Amino acid sequence: MDGTPNYCFASDNTSGMCPEVMQAFVEVNRGRVPSYGDDVCTAEATNAFRALFETACDVYFVFTGTAANSLSLASLCQSYHSVIVHEYAHVETDECGAPEFFSNGTKLLLASGANGKMDPHVLEQIVLKRRDIHFPKPRVVSLSCPTELGTVYTPTEVSALGEVAKRHGLRVHMDGARFANAVASLGVSPAELTWKAGVDVLAFGGTKLGSPVGEAVVFFDPALGEEFAYRCKQAGQLASKMRFLAAPWKTLLGQNLWLEIAARANGFARLLRLGMEQFPELRLLHPTEANAVFVEMPEHVHQHLNARGWRYYSFIGGGSRFMCSWSTTNEDVEALLSDIRVALS
């Protein structure tokens, strides 16, 4: 093996564009159209989100997930506020302080909970711990769905956290870098997992779905995003050729491709987990509820896989993470399991 992306389970970011998204770029590249989002394609993509979520939400397209999370959180906070997140949340562990930077210093308060999910009782304890003016006032709860450990909040679990948040005057933000995988796993509607469960704003990931760039920020209460366009411009996230950020979404949502892609990746993760369960020397960590498998392996297995060209992360929460994507194949899974078998023989 040569370490090419075919042998890479490090991230679903390693996959290229899915063919349908590639074609969407070809189509939207024709002719001359208005700039900065005043084009038909962007309007059609926005309307596709409104149809998907069954509500008159406002939608903004940005380049990266870090921008989507950081700018949406900043729009919900003042600098003297705080955001409550799980201790393993992506905004805490992997965004280089961007949420704090773009909010002018809003503090992140860390909550605990099994398998990467925030516990409602812990959330309430954090909210009530300090009420004085010397402590940053809790203002937002941020949930990752799926979590960084590959688990998925159910609508009931989101509602339980949302109830605590609303009771104390907090807004609810959802980091949905792999939101499609969560919906595919649960078999619920996007509305049931978001605004119907109390979510105010969602960062919906597109790059994990086969787009080369572009995430969507969805405000279910348009008043909360009233001046969000200004934040995007100031942060360098207002695309002059916005149609190229919008076109993948028009295709992904319009053809229901987003759900098919996510279900495919989830399916390969389940297949990989079933294969790994055959080896008693491996210890599977965390439920496989989306498109990631976490496993603890003997050191000599790591050495063998690395020598054979396999790429994956040793990750937060312990163990190693194997991530499946739209381009994962049966052959990829079988080849990986075969090399694990050889390493253990």
Protein backbone atom coordinates (compact mmCIF):
# COMPACT_ATOMS: atom_id res chain seq x y z
CA MET A 1 0.00 0.00 0.00
CA ASP A 2 1.18 3.51 -0.77
CA GLY A 3 -0.76 5.65 1.69
CA THR A 4 -3.14 7.03 -0.97
CA PRO A 5 -6.60 8.21 0.12
CA ASN A 6 -8.03 4.76 -0.69
CA TYR A 7 -6.26 3.54 2.44
CA CYS A 8 -7.07 6.51 4.58
CA PHE A 9 -9.61 6.26 7.40
CA ALA A 10 -8.24 9.35 9.16
CA SER A 11 -11.15 11.61 8.24
CA ASP A 12 -14.09 11.99 5.88
CA ASN A 13 -12.31 15.20 4.82
CA THR A 14 -9.77 13.13 2.89
CA SER A 15 -12.34 12.19 0.24
CA GLY A 16 -12.72 14.37 -2.82
CA MET A 17 -15.89 15.79 -4.32
CA CYS A 18 -18.71 13.36 -4.98
CA PRO A 19 -19.59 13.25 -8.72
CA GLU A 20 -22.90 15.04 -8.30
CA VAL A 21 -21.25 17.98 -6.55
CA MET A 22 -18.56 18.11 -9.23
CA GLN A 23 -21.29 18.38 -11.85
CA ALA A 24 -23.00 21.12 -9.84
CA PHE A 25 -19.84 23.22 -10.12
CA VAL A 26 -19.77 22.71 -13.87
CA GLU A 27 -23.39 23.82 -14.19
CA VAL A 28 -23.06 26.92 -12.00
CA ASN A 29 -19.87 27.99 -13.79
CA ARG A 30 -21.82 28.95 -16.92
CA GLY A 31 -22.49 32.59 -17.69
CA ARG A 32 -22.22 35.73 -15.55
CA VAL A 33 -24.39 36.17 -12.48
CA PRO A 34 -24.66 38.69 -9.62
CA SER A 35 -22.09 38.53 -6.81
CA TYR A 36 -22.21 38.13 -3.01
CA GLY A 37 -25.24 35.86 -2.92
CA ASP A 38 -27.62 37.89 -5.07
CA ASP A 39 -27.92 35.06 -7.56
CA VAL A 40 -30.60 32.50 -8.38
CA CYS A 41 -28.53 29.48 -7.29
CA THR A 42 -27.99 30.87 -3.78
CA ALA A 43 -31.68 31.69 -3.48
CA GLU A 44 -32.65 28.18 -4.59
CA ALA A 45 -30.21 26.58 -2.14
CA THR A 46 -31.60 28.72 0.69
CA ASN A 47 -35.14 27.70 -0.18
CA ALA A 48 -34.05 24.07 -0.22
CA PHE A 49 -32.95 24.45 3.41
CA ARG A 50 -36.30 25.98 4.32
CA ALA A 51 -38.12 23.06 2.72
CA LEU A 52 -35.83 20.55 4.43
CA PHE A 53 -36.34 22.04 7.90
CA GLU A 54 -40.01 22.85 7.34
CA THR A 55 -39.61 26.41 8.59
CA ALA A 56 -38.72 29.93 7.44
CA CYS A 57 -35.10 29.76 8.60
CA ASP A 58 -32.32 32.10 7.49
CA VAL A 59 -29.29 30.49 5.89
CA TYR A 60 -25.73 31.76 5.39
CA PHE A 61 -22.92 30.01 3.55
CA VAL A 62 -19.34 30.18 4.86
CA PHE A 63 -16.11 28.46 3.87
CA THR A 64 -15.25 26.35 6.93
CA GLY A 65 -16.76 24.57 9.91
CA THR A 66 -14.65 26.63 12.27
CA ALA A 67 -16.15 29.80 10.82
CA ALA A 68 -19.66 28.35 10.97
CA ASN A 69 -19.33 27.46 14.64
CA SER A 70 -17.34 30.49 15.77
CA LEU A 71 -19.37 33.16 14.00
CA SER A 72 -22.72 31.64 14.96
CA LEU A 73 -21.68 31.40 18.61
CA ALA A 74 -20.39 34.97 18.50
CA SER A 75 -23.74 36.14 17.17
CA LEU A 76 -25.44 34.71 20.27
CA CYS A 77 -23.04 36.18 22.84
CA GLN A 78 -21.44 39.28 24.25
CA SER A 79 -17.82 39.17 25.37
CA TYR A 80 -18.84 38.84 29.03
CA HIS A 81 -20.96 35.74 28.34
CA SER A 82 -19.99 32.07 28.43
CA VAL A 83 -20.79 29.05 26.27
CA ILE A 84 -21.31 25.66 27.92
CA VAL A 85 -19.84 22.79 25.88
CA HIS A 86 -18.90 19.17 26.46
CA GLU A 87 -15.27 18.74 27.45
CA TYR A 88 -14.66 16.78 24.20
CA ALA A 89 -16.57 19.20 21.95
CA HIS A 90 -14.84 20.23 18.73
CA VAL A 91 -15.17 23.93 19.60
CA GLU A 92 -13.13 23.21 22.73
CA THR A 93 -10.53 20.73 21.46
CA ASP A 94 -9.93 21.55 17.80
CA GLU A 95 -10.68 25.13 16.84
CA CYS A 96 -7.58 26.97 18.09
CA GLY A 97 -9.57 29.39 20.26
CA ALA A 98 -11.62 30.67 17.30
CA PRO A 99 -14.94 30.76 19.22
CA GLU A 100 -13.31 32.92 21.89
CA PHE A 101 -11.53 35.08 19.32
CA PHE A 102 -14.57 35.91 17.17
CA SER A 103 -16.73 36.59 20.23
CA ASN A 104 -14.12 38.94 21.72
CA GLY A 105 -13.39 36.64 24.63
CA THR A 106 -16.55 34.69 25.45
CA LYS A 107 -15.48 31.93 27.84
CA LEU A 108 -16.09 28.23 27.23
CA LEU A 109 -17.33 26.32 30.30
CA LEU A 110 -16.76 22.57 30.14
CA ALA A 111 -19.43 20.00 30.97
CA SER A 112 -19.12 16.24 31.33
CA GLY A 113 -21.23 13.33 30.16
CA ALA A 114 -20.79 9.75 28.96
CA ASN A 115 -19.77 9.01 25.35
CA GLY A 116 -19.30 12.67 24.48
CA LYS A 117 -22.86 13.70 25.35
CA MET A 118 -23.64 16.50 27.77
CA ASP A 119 -25.61 15.50 30.86
CA PRO A 120 -28.64 17.77 31.54
CA HIS A 121 -28.01 17.66 35.31
CA VAL A 122 -24.40 18.72 34.81
CA LEU A 123 -25.59 21.51 32.52
CA GLU A 124 -27.91 22.85 35.18
CA GLN A 125 -25.21 22.65 37.84
CA ILE A 126 -22.89 24.74 35.68
CA VAL A 127 -25.60 27.32 35.01
CA LEU A 128 -26.38 27.64 38.71
CA LYS A 129 -22.82 27.39 40.05
CA ARG A 130 -22.08 31.11 39.82
CA ARG A 131 -24.68 33.87 39.46
CA ASP A 132 -22.58 36.84 40.48
CA ILE A 133 -21.23 39.61 38.31
CA HIS A 134 -17.63 38.40 38.72
CA PHE A 135 -18.25 35.30 36.60
CA PRO A 136 -19.00 35.17 32.84
CA LYS A 137 -22.75 34.81 32.49
CA PRO A 138 -23.87 31.55 30.77
CA ARG A 139 -25.61 32.45 27.54
CA VAL A 140 -25.36 29.51 25.12
CA VAL A 141 -25.32 25.72 25.23
CA SER A 142 -23.40 24.20 22.32
CA LEU A 143 -24.03 20.56 21.37
CA SER A 144 -22.08 18.47 18.86
CA CYS A 145 -24.28 16.05 16.93
CA PRO A 146 -22.74 13.63 16.22
CA THR A 147 -20.33 14.07 19.09
CA GLU A 148 -16.56 13.89 18.78
CA LEU A 149 -16.82 10.30 20.01
CA GLY A 150 -19.19 9.30 17.22
CA THR A 151 -22.36 9.15 19.27
CA VAL A 152 -25.65 10.82 18.37
CA TYR A 153 -28.09 12.85 20.46
CA THR A 154 -31.70 11.75 20.04
CA PRO A 155 -34.42 14.41 19.74
CA THR A 156 -35.48 13.53 23.30
CA GLU A 157 -31.95 14.14 24.58
CA VAL A 158 -31.68 17.44 22.71
CA SER A 159 -35.07 18.48 24.10
CA ALA A 160 -33.97 17.67 27.66
CA LEU A 161 -30.92 19.91 27.29
CA GLY A 162 -32.97 22.52 25.49
CA GLU A 163 -35.49 22.60 28.32
CA VAL A 164 -32.75 23.34 30.85
CA ALA A 165 -31.30 25.99 28.54
CA LYS A 166 -34.60 27.76 27.89
CA ARG A 167 -35.56 27.69 31.55
CA HIS A 168 -32.41 29.67 32.33
CA GLY A 169 -32.57 31.97 29.32
CA LEU A 170 -29.83 30.28 27.30
CA ARG A 171 -29.73 29.79 23.54
CA VAL A 172 -28.92 26.40 21.97
CA HIS A 173 -26.30 26.00 19.23
CA MET A 174 -25.64 22.72 17.42
CA ASP A 175 -22.32 21.88 15.81
CA GLY A 176 -23.53 19.69 12.97
CA ALA A 177 -20.32 19.05 11.06
CA ARG A 178 -21.77 15.57 10.46
CA PHE A 179 -25.41 16.48 11.05
CA ALA A 180 -26.45 14.43 8.01
CA ASN A 181 -24.92 11.31 9.58
CA ALA A 182 -26.92 11.92 12.76
CA VAL A 183 -30.21 12.26 10.86
CA ALA A 184 -29.45 9.14 8.80
CA SER A 185 -28.62 7.19 11.96
CA LEU A 186 -31.77 8.19 13.83
CA GLY A 187 -34.25 8.08 10.96
CA VAL A 188 -35.86 11.33 12.12
CA SER A 189 -36.56 14.55 10.26
CA PRO A 190 -34.03 17.41 10.42
CA ALA A 191 -36.70 19.54 12.08
CA GLU A 192 -37.21 17.00 14.87
CA LEU A 193 -33.52 17.02 15.74
CA THR A 194 -33.17 20.81 15.68
CA TRP A 195 -35.71 23.58 16.13
CA LYS A 196 -38.52 21.31 17.29
CA ALA A 197 -36.15 20.13 20.05
CA GLY A 198 -35.11 23.66 21.02
CA VAL A 199 -32.07 24.34 18.80
CA ASP A 200 -31.73 28.01 17.79
CA VAL A 201 -28.87 27.81 15.29
CA LEU A 202 -27.21 24.95 13.44
CA ALA A 203 -23.81 24.75 11.74
CA PHE A 204 -24.55 22.20 8.99
CA GLY A 205 -21.44 20.54 7.53
CA GLY A 206 -21.06 20.21 3.76
CA THR A 207 -17.46 19.10 3.28
CA LYS A 208 -18.16 15.75 4.94
CA LEU A 209 -20.90 15.21 2.33
CA GLY A 210 -18.59 15.42 -0.66
CA SER A 211 -18.38 19.17 -1.14
CA PRO A 212 -14.86 20.64 -1.49
CA VAL A 213 -15.68 23.65 0.67
CA GLY A 214 -18.66 25.31 2.29
CA GLU A 215 -20.78 24.98 5.41
CA ALA A 216 -24.24 26.36 6.12
CA VAL A 217 -25.27 28.37 9.18
CA VAL A 218 -29.00 27.96 9.77
CA PHE A 219 -30.83 30.36 12.08
CA PHE A 220 -34.22 28.95 13.05
CA ASP A 221 -35.08 32.30 14.62
CA PRO A 222 -34.17 34.80 11.87
CA ALA A 223 -33.97 37.61 14.43
CA LEU A 224 -30.86 35.96 15.93
CA GLY A 225 -29.04 36.24 12.61
CA GLU A 226 -30.23 39.72 11.76
CA GLU A 227 -26.72 41.13 11.27
CA PHE A 228 -24.90 37.87 10.65
CA ALA A 229 -23.97 38.90 7.12
CA TYR A 230 -21.82 41.66 8.62
CA ARG A 231 -19.98 39.12 10.77
CA CYS A 232 -19.33 37.02 7.70
CA LYS A 233 -17.95 39.99 5.79
CA GLN A 234 -15.74 41.12 8.67
CA ALA A 235 -14.35 37.61 9.15
CA GLY A 236 -13.53 37.14 5.48
CA GLN A 237 -16.33 34.63 5.01
CA LEU A 238 -18.51 36.52 2.52
CA ALA A 239 -17.84 34.83 -0.82
CA SER A 240 -17.93 37.14 -3.82
CA LYS A 241 -18.85 34.17 -6.02
CA MET A 242 -21.34 32.83 -3.51
CA ARG A 243 -22.95 30.55 -6.09
CA PHE A 244 -19.99 28.20 -5.78
CA LEU A 245 -20.69 27.71 -2.06
CA ALA A 246 -24.42 27.37 -2.65
CA ALA A 247 -24.41 25.06 -5.69
CA PRO A 248 -23.34 21.90 -3.81
CA TRP A 249 -26.15 22.43 -1.31
CA LYS A 250 -28.72 22.89 -4.06
CA THR A 251 -27.67 19.52 -5.47
CA LEU A 252 -27.23 17.70 -2.15
CA LEU A 253 -30.57 18.81 -0.73
CA GLY A 254 -32.56 18.92 -3.95
CA GLN A 255 -31.87 15.28 -4.80
CA ASN A 256 -31.94 14.05 -1.18
CA LEU A 257 -28.35 13.07 -1.88
CA TRP A 258 -27.20 14.40 1.50
CA LEU A 259 -29.08 11.61 3.30
CA GLU A 260 -27.97 8.87 0.92
CA ILE A 261 -24.31 9.87 1.31
CA ALA A 262 -24.56 9.96 5.09
CA ALA A 263 -26.36 6.61 5.28
CA ARG A 264 -23.70 5.06 3.05
CA ALA A 265 -20.87 6.26 5.30
CA ASN A 266 -22.74 5.10 8.40
CA GLY A 267 -23.25 1.70 6.84
CA PHE A 268 -19.57 1.19 6.18
CA ALA A 269 -18.77 2.19 9.77
CA ARG A 270 -21.17 -0.49 11.03
CA LEU A 271 -19.59 -3.01 8.67
CA LEU A 272 -16.12 -2.10 9.91
CA ARG A 273 -17.20 -2.41 13.52
CA LEU A 274 -18.74 -5.84 12.92
CA GLY A 275 -15.46 -6.95 11.37
CA MET A 276 -13.40 -5.62 14.25
CA GLU A 277 -15.65 -7.35 16.77
CA GLN A 278 -14.39 -10.67 15.40
CA PHE A 279 -10.97 -10.02 16.94
CA PRO A 280 -10.90 -10.52 20.74
CA GLU A 281 -7.57 -8.68 20.91
CA LEU A 282 -9.34 -5.43 19.94
CA ARG A 283 -11.49 -3.40 22.33
CA LEU A 284 -14.25 -1.35 20.73
CA LEU A 285 -14.85 2.02 22.38
CA HIS A 286 -18.10 4.01 22.33
CA PRO A 287 -21.19 3.02 20.36
CA THR A 288 -20.91 3.29 16.57
CA GLU A 289 -23.91 5.50 15.86
CA ALA A 290 -22.68 7.51 12.87
CA ASN A 291 -19.66 7.06 10.57
CA ALA A 292 -16.83 6.60 13.08
CA VAL A 293 -15.41 3.53 14.80
CA PHE A 294 -13.25 3.91 17.91
CA VAL A 295 -11.04 0.99 18.88
CA GLU A 296 -8.13 0.16 21.17
CA MET A 297 -5.49 -2.02 19.47
CA PRO A 298 -2.22 -3.63 20.56
CA GLU A 299 0.88 -1.64 19.63
CA HIS A 300 2.14 -4.22 17.15
CA VAL A 301 -1.12 -3.89 15.21
CA HIS A 302 -0.58 -0.14 14.94
CA GLN A 303 2.95 -0.70 13.68
CA HIS A 304 1.79 -3.20 11.08
CA LEU A 305 -1.05 -0.99 9.81
CA ASN A 306 1.16 2.08 9.62
CA ALA A 307 3.81 0.14 7.72
CA ARG A 308 1.14 -1.02 5.28
CA GLY A 309 0.09 2.57 4.61
CA TRP A 310 -3.10 2.86 6.64
CA ARG A 311 -3.85 6.30 8.04
CA TYR A 312 -6.10 7.00 11.04
CA TYR A 313 -6.06 9.14 14.15
CA SER A 314 -5.19 8.29 17.71
CA PHE A 315 -7.92 10.42 19.14
CA ILE A 316 -9.37 12.20 22.12
CA GLY A 317 -11.18 9.89 24.47
CA GLY A 318 -8.58 7.15 23.99
CA GLY A 319 -8.08 4.59 21.26
CA SER A 320 -7.97 5.14 17.51
CA ARG A 321 -10.64 6.57 15.23
CA PHE A 322 -11.52 5.08 11.85
CA MET A 323 -13.77 7.40 9.85
CA CYS A 324 -15.83 6.31 6.86
CA SER A 325 -16.98 8.65 4.10
CA TRP A 326 -19.04 8.83 0.91
CA SER A 327 -16.14 7.27 -1.01
CA THR A 328 -15.45 4.34 1.34
CA THR A 329 -15.89 0.96 -0.36
CA ASN A 330 -16.37 -2.66 0.66
CA GLU A 331 -12.87 -3.27 -0.66
CA ASP A 332 -11.42 -0.63 1.69
CA VAL A 333 -13.08 -2.23 4.71
CA GLU A 334 -12.11 -5.76 3.71
CA ALA A 335 -8.49 -4.77 3.05
CA LEU A 336 -8.20 -3.08 6.45
CA LEU A 337 -9.70 -6.06 8.26
CA SER A 338 -7.40 -8.39 6.33
CA ASP A 339 -4.32 -6.47 7.46
CA ILE A 340 -5.56 -6.48 11.06
CA ARG A 341 -6.00 -10.24 10.79
CA VAL A 342 -2.46 -10.65 9.49
CA ALA A 343 -1.09 -8.46 12.29
CA LEU A 344 -2.82 -10.57 14.93
CA SER A 345 -1.90 -13.95 13.44
